[in-house]
Amino acid sequence: MKLLLDQNLSRRLLPNLEATFPGSTQVVLCGLDTASDAALWEFAGAQGFAGVTKDADFVELALLHGFPPEVILLNLGNVSNQRIREVLVAKTGDVFEFLRSASEGVLEID
């Protein structure tokens, strides 16, 4: 299960996530740093990514278009990369369960 980190999340998070979520990347590394939310949505769905973001716009896309892709919304405010890393690692079980579920399209993590 691979994650696509939105532009508002640092690519520096990837080395710590790679073991748990192999194949994960960040939008800048895909050449999508100037892409619209809709283009990111299409890319994530076509490539089998779950989107990870702090941006509620992706939740709106999920409500409008359904899923896939699934969306993981981080409601963490302005926190360090270390804190984001800690939260994602601590919530790995919840993330895996969510990504295996066929009934939900958005996971909010506080």
Protein backbone atom coordinates (compact mmCIF):
# COMPACT_ATOMS: atom_id res chain seq x y z
CA MET A 1 0.00 0.00 0.00
CA LYS A 2 1.69 3.12 -1.21
CA LEU A 3 1.13 6.70 -0.19
CA LEU A 4 1.27 9.89 -2.24
CA LEU A 5 2.25 12.78 -0.01
CA ASP A 6 0.68 16.07 -1.01
CA GLN A 7 2.83 19.13 -1.62
CA ASN A 8 2.05 20.37 1.90
CA LEU A 9 3.97 17.38 3.32
CA SER A 10 7.74 17.13 3.10
CA ARG A 11 9.43 14.49 0.99
CA ARG A 12 11.81 14.13 3.96
CA LEU A 13 9.09 11.95 5.51
CA LEU A 14 9.58 9.26 2.87
CA PRO A 15 12.69 7.46 4.20
CA ASN A 16 10.90 6.68 7.45
CA LEU A 17 7.75 5.52 5.67
CA GLU A 18 9.36 3.39 2.96
CA ALA A 19 9.67 0.23 5.07
CA THR A 20 6.00 0.33 6.03
CA PHE A 21 4.57 1.80 2.83
CA PRO A 22 6.89 0.71 -0.01
CA GLY A 23 6.56 2.67 -3.23
CA SER A 24 5.37 5.82 -1.50
CA THR A 25 6.38 9.17 -2.95
CA GLN A 26 5.63 12.87 -2.87
CA VAL A 27 3.98 14.95 -5.60
CA VAL A 28 7.11 17.01 -6.34
CA LEU A 29 9.07 13.82 -7.00
CA CYS A 30 6.41 12.85 -9.55
CA GLY A 31 6.70 16.19 -11.35
CA LEU A 32 3.26 17.22 -10.11
CA ASP A 33 4.24 20.18 -7.93
CA THR A 34 2.11 22.58 -9.98
CA ALA A 35 -0.71 20.15 -10.76
CA SER A 36 -4.28 20.93 -9.77
CA ASP A 37 -5.99 18.97 -7.01
CA ALA A 38 -8.09 17.25 -9.67
CA ALA A 39 -4.96 16.17 -11.58
CA LEU A 40 -3.39 14.83 -8.38
CA TRP A 41 -6.61 12.97 -7.63
CA GLU A 42 -6.59 11.33 -11.06
CA PHE A 43 -2.89 10.45 -10.81
CA ALA A 44 -3.29 8.88 -7.36
CA GLY A 45 -6.26 6.80 -8.47
CA ALA A 46 -4.65 5.65 -11.71
CA GLN A 47 -1.36 4.72 -10.01
CA GLY A 48 -2.84 3.00 -6.95
CA PHE A 49 -1.82 5.57 -4.36
CA ALA A 50 -3.67 6.70 -1.27
CA GLY A 51 -3.32 10.46 -0.92
CA VAL A 52 -1.97 11.89 2.32
CA THR A 53 -2.67 15.56 2.89
CA LYS A 54 -3.44 18.35 5.29
CA ASP A 55 -5.73 19.86 2.64
CA ALA A 56 -9.50 19.46 3.05
CA ASP A 57 -9.92 19.91 -0.72
CA PHE A 58 -9.12 16.22 -1.17
CA VAL A 59 -11.89 15.27 1.23
CA GLU A 60 -14.27 17.29 -0.95
CA LEU A 61 -13.03 15.42 -4.04
CA ALA A 62 -13.61 12.12 -2.25
CA LEU A 63 -17.15 13.16 -1.37
CA LEU A 64 -17.81 14.35 -4.90
CA HIS A 65 -16.19 11.53 -6.89
CA GLY A 66 -16.02 8.63 -4.46
CA PHE A 67 -12.92 6.49 -4.21
CA PRO A 68 -10.35 5.30 -5.09
CA PRO A 69 -8.11 6.97 -4.37
CA GLU A 70 -8.49 6.88 -0.64
CA VAL A 71 -7.55 10.01 1.29
CA ILE A 72 -5.73 10.25 4.61
CA LEU A 73 -6.35 13.68 6.09
CA LEU A 74 -3.87 14.77 8.75
CA ASN A 75 -5.57 17.15 11.17
CA LEU A 76 -2.35 17.96 12.98
CA GLY A 77 -1.97 21.67 12.45
CA ASN A 78 1.46 23.20 12.03
CA VAL A 79 3.72 20.48 13.42
CA SER A 80 7.22 19.23 12.67
CA ASN A 81 8.07 16.48 10.21
CA GLN A 82 9.12 14.42 13.22
CA ARG A 83 5.63 14.71 14.71
CA ILE A 84 3.97 13.76 11.42
CA ARG A 85 6.30 10.76 11.18
CA GLU A 86 5.47 9.71 14.75
CA VAL A 87 1.74 9.97 14.16
CA LEU A 88 1.80 8.05 10.86
CA VAL A 89 3.91 5.27 12.36
CA ALA A 90 1.71 5.10 15.47
CA LYS A 91 -1.41 4.90 13.30
CA THR A 92 -0.03 2.31 10.86
CA GLY A 93 -2.58 -0.30 11.94
CA ASP A 94 -5.44 2.13 11.43
CA VAL A 95 -4.07 3.15 8.03
CA PHE A 96 -3.73 -0.48 6.87
CA GLU A 97 -7.23 -1.32 8.08
CA PHE A 98 -8.60 1.76 6.31
CA LEU A 99 -6.80 0.99 3.05
CA ARG A 100 -8.08 -2.60 3.07
CA SER A 101 -11.65 -1.43 3.65
CA ALA A 102 -13.86 -1.11 0.63
CA SER A 103 -16.43 0.97 2.46
CA GLU A 104 -14.56 4.14 3.40
CA GLY A 105 -12.75 6.74 1.33
CA VAL A 106 -11.43 9.17 3.95
CA LEU A 107 -9.44 8.55 7.12
CA GLU A 108 -8.95 11.53 9.40
CA ILE A 109 -5.99 11.38 11.74
CA ASP A 110 -5.71 13.80 14.66
